[in-house]
C-alpha atoms as a PDB file:
ATOM      1  CA  MET A   1     -14.282  19.136   4.252  1.00  0.00           C
ATOM      2  CA  LEU A   2     -11.430  17.981   2.201  1.00  0.00           C
ATOM      3  CA  ILE A   3      -9.557  14.703   3.084  1.00  0.00           C
ATOM      4  CA  TRP A   4      -5.497  14.740   2.297  1.00  0.00           C
ATOM      5  CA  LEU A   5      -4.329  11.424   1.079  1.00  0.00           C
ATOM      6  CA  ARG A   6      -0.610  10.845   0.125  1.00  0.00           C
ATOM      7  CA  ASN A   7       1.008   7.797  -1.392  1.00  0.00           C
ATOM      8  CA  LEU A   8       4.575   7.220  -0.425  1.00  0.00           C
ATOM      9  CA  LEU A   9       6.320   4.107  -1.894  1.00  0.00           C
ATOM     10  CA  LEU A  10       8.618   1.127  -0.491  1.00  0.00           C
ATOM     11  CA  PHE A  11      11.340  -0.089  -2.394  1.00  0.00           C
ATOM     12  CA  ALA A  12      11.315  -3.716  -2.363  1.00  0.00           C
ATOM     13  CA  ALA A  13      14.760  -4.877  -3.767  1.00  0.00           C
ATOM     14  CA  VAL A  14      17.260  -3.798  -5.522  1.00  0.00           C
ATOM     15  CA  LEU A  15      15.980  -4.902  -9.075  1.00  0.00           C
ATOM     16  CA  ASP A  16      12.369  -4.707  -8.291  1.00  0.00           C
ATOM     17  CA  SER A  17      10.699  -1.262  -7.688  1.00  0.00           C
ATOM     18  CA  VAL A  18       7.104   0.619  -7.211  1.00  0.00           C
ATOM     19  CA  ASN A  19       6.224   3.634  -8.665  1.00  0.00           C
ATOM     20  CA  GLN A  20       3.583   6.269  -7.816  1.00  0.00           C
ATOM     21  CA  SER A  21       2.865   9.217 -10.199  1.00  0.00           C
ATOM     22  CA  THR A  22       0.124  10.692  -7.969  1.00  0.00           C
ATOM     23  CA  ARG A  23       1.901  11.974  -4.859  1.00  0.00           C
ATOM     24  CA  VAL A  24      -0.970  13.956  -3.341  1.00  0.00           C
ATOM     25  CA  GLN A  25      -4.744  13.201  -3.802  1.00  0.00           C
ATOM     26  CA  THR A  26      -7.823  15.490  -2.168  1.00  0.00           C
ATOM     27  CA  ALA A  27     -11.373  14.092  -1.938  1.00  0.00           C
ATOM     28  CA  SER A  28     -14.504  15.060  -0.025  1.00  0.00           C
ATOM     29  CA  GLU A  29     -16.205  12.919   2.728  1.00  0.00           C
ATOM     30  CA  HIS A  30     -18.413  10.027   1.530  1.00  0.00           C
ATOM     31  CA  GLU A  31     -16.750   9.974  -2.120  1.00  0.00           C
ATOM     32  CA  MET A  32     -14.680   7.075  -3.203  1.00  0.00           C
ATOM     33  CA  VAL A  33     -10.868   7.323  -3.926  1.00  0.00           C
ATOM     34  CA  LYS A  34      -8.189   5.215  -6.194  1.00  0.00           C
ATOM     35  CA  LEU A  35      -4.831   5.250  -5.199  1.00  0.00           C
ATOM     36  CA  HIS A  36      -2.766   3.759  -7.764  1.00  0.00           C
ATOM     37  CA  CYS A  37       0.883   2.254  -7.973  1.00  0.00           C
ATOM     38  CA  THR A  38       2.957   0.495 -10.720  1.00  0.00           C
ATOM     39  CA  TYR A  39       5.302  -1.963 -10.039  1.00  0.00           C
ATOM     40  CA  SER A  40       8.287  -3.773 -11.435  1.00  0.00           C
ATOM     41  CA  THR A  41       9.610  -7.336 -10.409  1.00  0.00           C
ATOM     42  CA  SER A  42      11.320 -10.126 -12.217  1.00  0.00           C
ATOM     43  CA  ASP A  43       8.834 -12.519  -9.430  1.00  0.00           C
ATOM     44  CA  SER A  44       6.353 -14.382 -11.365  1.00  0.00           C
ATOM     45  CA  TYR A  45       3.805 -14.130  -8.463  1.00  0.00           C
ATOM     46  CA  PRO A  46       4.383 -10.896  -6.968  1.00  0.00           C
ATOM     47  CA  TYR A  47       2.558  -9.799  -3.446  1.00  0.00           C
ATOM     48  CA  LEU A  48       1.614  -6.233  -3.237  1.00  0.00           C
ATOM     49  CA  TYR A  49       1.108  -4.726   0.130  1.00  0.00           C
ATOM     50  CA  ARG A  50      -0.502  -1.489   1.537  1.00  0.00           C
ATOM     51  CA  TYR A  51      -0.070   0.274   4.561  1.00  0.00           C
ATOM     52  CA  GLN A  52      -1.401   3.158   6.232  1.00  0.00           C
ATOM     53  CA  HIS A  53       0.512   5.852   7.904  1.00  0.00           C
ATOM     54  CA  LYS A  54      -1.354   8.522  10.349  1.00  0.00           C
ATOM     55  CA  THR A  55       0.258  11.477  11.446  1.00  0.00           C
ATOM     56  CA  ASN A  56       2.321  10.781  14.812  1.00  0.00           C
ATOM     57  CA  GLY A  57       1.610   7.365  14.376  1.00  0.00           C
ATOM     58  CA  PHE A  58       3.635   4.019  12.838  1.00  0.00           C
ATOM     59  CA  PRO A  59       2.665   2.670   9.375  1.00  0.00           C
ATOM     60  CA  VAL A  60      -0.179   0.140   9.736  1.00  0.00           C
ATOM     61  CA  TYR A  61      -0.460  -2.837   7.937  1.00  0.00           C
ATOM     62  CA  MET A  62      -3.634  -2.697   5.711  1.00  0.00           C
ATOM     63  CA  LEU A  63      -3.772  -5.371   3.301  1.00  0.00           C
ATOM     64  CA  ARG A  64      -1.863  -7.872   1.006  1.00  0.00           C
ATOM     65  CA  LYS A  65      -3.054  -8.703  -2.722  1.00  0.00           C
ATOM     66  CA  LEU A  66      -1.598 -11.935  -4.523  1.00  0.00           C
ATOM     67  CA  SER A  67      -1.076 -11.902  -8.501  1.00  0.00           C
ATOM     68  CA  THR A  68      -2.973 -14.812  -8.366  1.00  0.00           C
ATOM     69  CA  GLY A  69      -5.962 -13.017  -7.197  1.00  0.00           C
ATOM     70  CA  SER A  70      -6.197 -13.788  -3.694  1.00  0.00           C
ATOM     71  CA  SER A  71      -5.761 -11.746  -0.759  1.00  0.00           C
ATOM     72  CA  SER A  72      -5.814 -10.729   2.810  1.00  0.00           C
ATOM     73  CA  SER A  73      -6.469  -7.729   4.979  1.00  0.00           C
ATOM     74  CA  GLU A  74      -6.844  -6.659   8.502  1.00  0.00           C
ATOM     75  CA  LYS A  75     -10.186  -6.325  10.083  1.00  0.00           C
ATOM     76  CA  GLU A  76     -10.533  -2.946  10.264  1.00  0.00           C
ATOM     77  CA  PHE A  77      -9.743  -2.498   6.802  1.00  0.00           C
ATOM     78  CA  GLU A  78     -12.149  -5.141   5.343  1.00  0.00           C
ATOM     79  CA  GLU A  79     -15.182  -2.951   4.806  1.00  0.00           C
ATOM     80  CA  ARG A  80     -14.280   0.408   2.863  1.00  0.00           C
ATOM     81  CA  PHE A  81     -10.457  -0.704   1.940  1.00  0.00           C
ATOM     82  CA  HIS A  82      -9.962  -2.524  -1.379  1.00  0.00           C
ATOM     83  CA  ALA A  83      -7.065  -3.529  -3.781  1.00  0.00           C
ATOM     84  CA  ASP A  84      -6.929  -4.516  -7.259  1.00  0.00           C
ATOM     85  CA  LEU A  85      -3.960  -6.189  -8.840  1.00  0.00           C
ATOM     86  CA  ASN A  86      -3.939  -6.135 -12.614  1.00  0.00           C
ATOM     87  CA  LYS A  87      -0.646  -8.365 -13.272  1.00  0.00           C
ATOM     88  CA  SER A  88      -0.562  -7.378 -17.161  1.00  0.00           C
ATOM     89  CA  SER A  89      -0.188  -3.560 -16.666  1.00  0.00           C
ATOM     90  CA  SER A  90       1.737  -4.197 -13.357  1.00  0.00           C
ATOM     91  CA  SER A  91      -0.300  -1.868 -11.134  1.00  0.00           C
ATOM     92  CA  VAL A  92      -2.337  -2.211  -8.315  1.00  0.00           C
ATOM     93  CA  SER A  93      -4.971   0.427  -7.026  1.00  0.00           C
ATOM     94  CA  LEU A  94      -6.387   0.902  -3.733  1.00  0.00           C
ATOM     95  CA  SER A  95      -9.933   1.987  -3.360  1.00  0.00           C
ATOM     96  CA  ILE A  96     -11.328   3.682  -0.325  1.00  0.00           C
ATOM     97  CA  GLN A  97     -15.118   3.983  -0.122  1.00  0.00           C
ATOM     98  CA  ASP A  98     -17.312   6.335   1.909  1.00  0.00           C
ATOM     99  CA  LEU A  99     -14.305   8.559   2.653  1.00  0.00           C
ATOM    100  CA  ARG A 100     -14.009   9.674   5.863  1.00  0.00           C
ATOM    101  CA  VAL A 101     -11.682  12.541   7.539  1.00  0.00           C
ATOM    102  CA  SER A 102      -9.983   9.827   9.617  1.00  0.00           C
ATOM    103  CA  ASP A 103      -8.709   8.159   6.544  1.00  0.00           C
ATOM    104  CA  SER A 104      -6.260  11.089   5.949  1.00  0.00           C
ATOM    105  CA  ALA A 105      -3.174   9.521   6.171  1.00  0.00           C
ATOM    106  CA  VAL A 106       0.260   8.708   3.990  1.00  0.00           C
ATOM    107  CA  TYR A 107      -0.471   5.103   2.048  1.00  0.00           C
ATOM    108  CA  TYR A 108       2.579   3.193   1.068  1.00  0.00           C
ATOM    109  CA  CYS A 109       2.613   0.537  -1.602  1.00  0.00           C
ATOM    110  CA  ALA A 110       4.880  -2.245  -1.280  1.00  0.00           C
ATOM    111  CA  LEU A 111       6.303  -5.183  -3.434  1.00  0.00           C
ATOM    112  CA  GLN A 112       7.400  -8.370  -1.027  1.00  0.00           C
ATOM    113  CA  PRO A 113       9.991  -8.849  -0.021  1.00  0.00           C
ATOM    114  CA  THR A 114       9.647  -5.753   2.264  1.00  0.00           C
ATOM    115  CA  VAL A 115      13.008  -6.309   3.922  1.00  0.00           C
ATOM    116  CA  THR A 116      15.730  -6.860   1.947  1.00  0.00           C
ATOM    117  CA  GLU A 117      18.474  -7.927   4.730  1.00  0.00           C
ATOM    118  CA  THR A 118      18.526  -9.507   7.856  1.00  0.00           C
ATOM    119  CA  HIS A 119      19.934  -8.399  11.155  1.00  0.00           C
ATOM    120  CA  LYS A 120      21.965 -10.037  14.085  1.00  0.00           C
ATOM    121  CA  HIS A 121      20.491  -9.455  17.696  1.00  0.00           C
ATOM    122  CA  PRO A 122      22.755  -7.707  19.405  1.00  0.00           C
ATOM    123  CA  ASP A 123      25.393  -9.779  21.529  1.00  0.00           C
ATOM    124  CA  LYS A 124      24.809  -9.657  25.217  1.00  0.00           C
ATOM    125  CA  ASN A 125      28.309  -8.873  26.777  1.00  0.00           C
END
């Protein structure tokens, strides 16, 4: 059975950006797949994030990778999902091991800060 993976991008700030050349990728169950994105930032120590968005759901935080080499990930993604950040090529790849049909989703690549403006709470009148 083929698994459809889609990558979309989140833009972090006006001068910072992420780019992904492959928009749709297919693979078979139990294979390994790599989803790549490149980034541009003025930040010397960027944080890159990955999110998974399944049909009829909300984007779910998967993991964070720092240019210093450290990383953190949600427990459900620790075993089969890994990110590699290459600061010299300004790229980050997401590897998914032992692919499953349930991995079919849109995968977002985001560069910190992921929110560039703040909102006030509505006034209660």
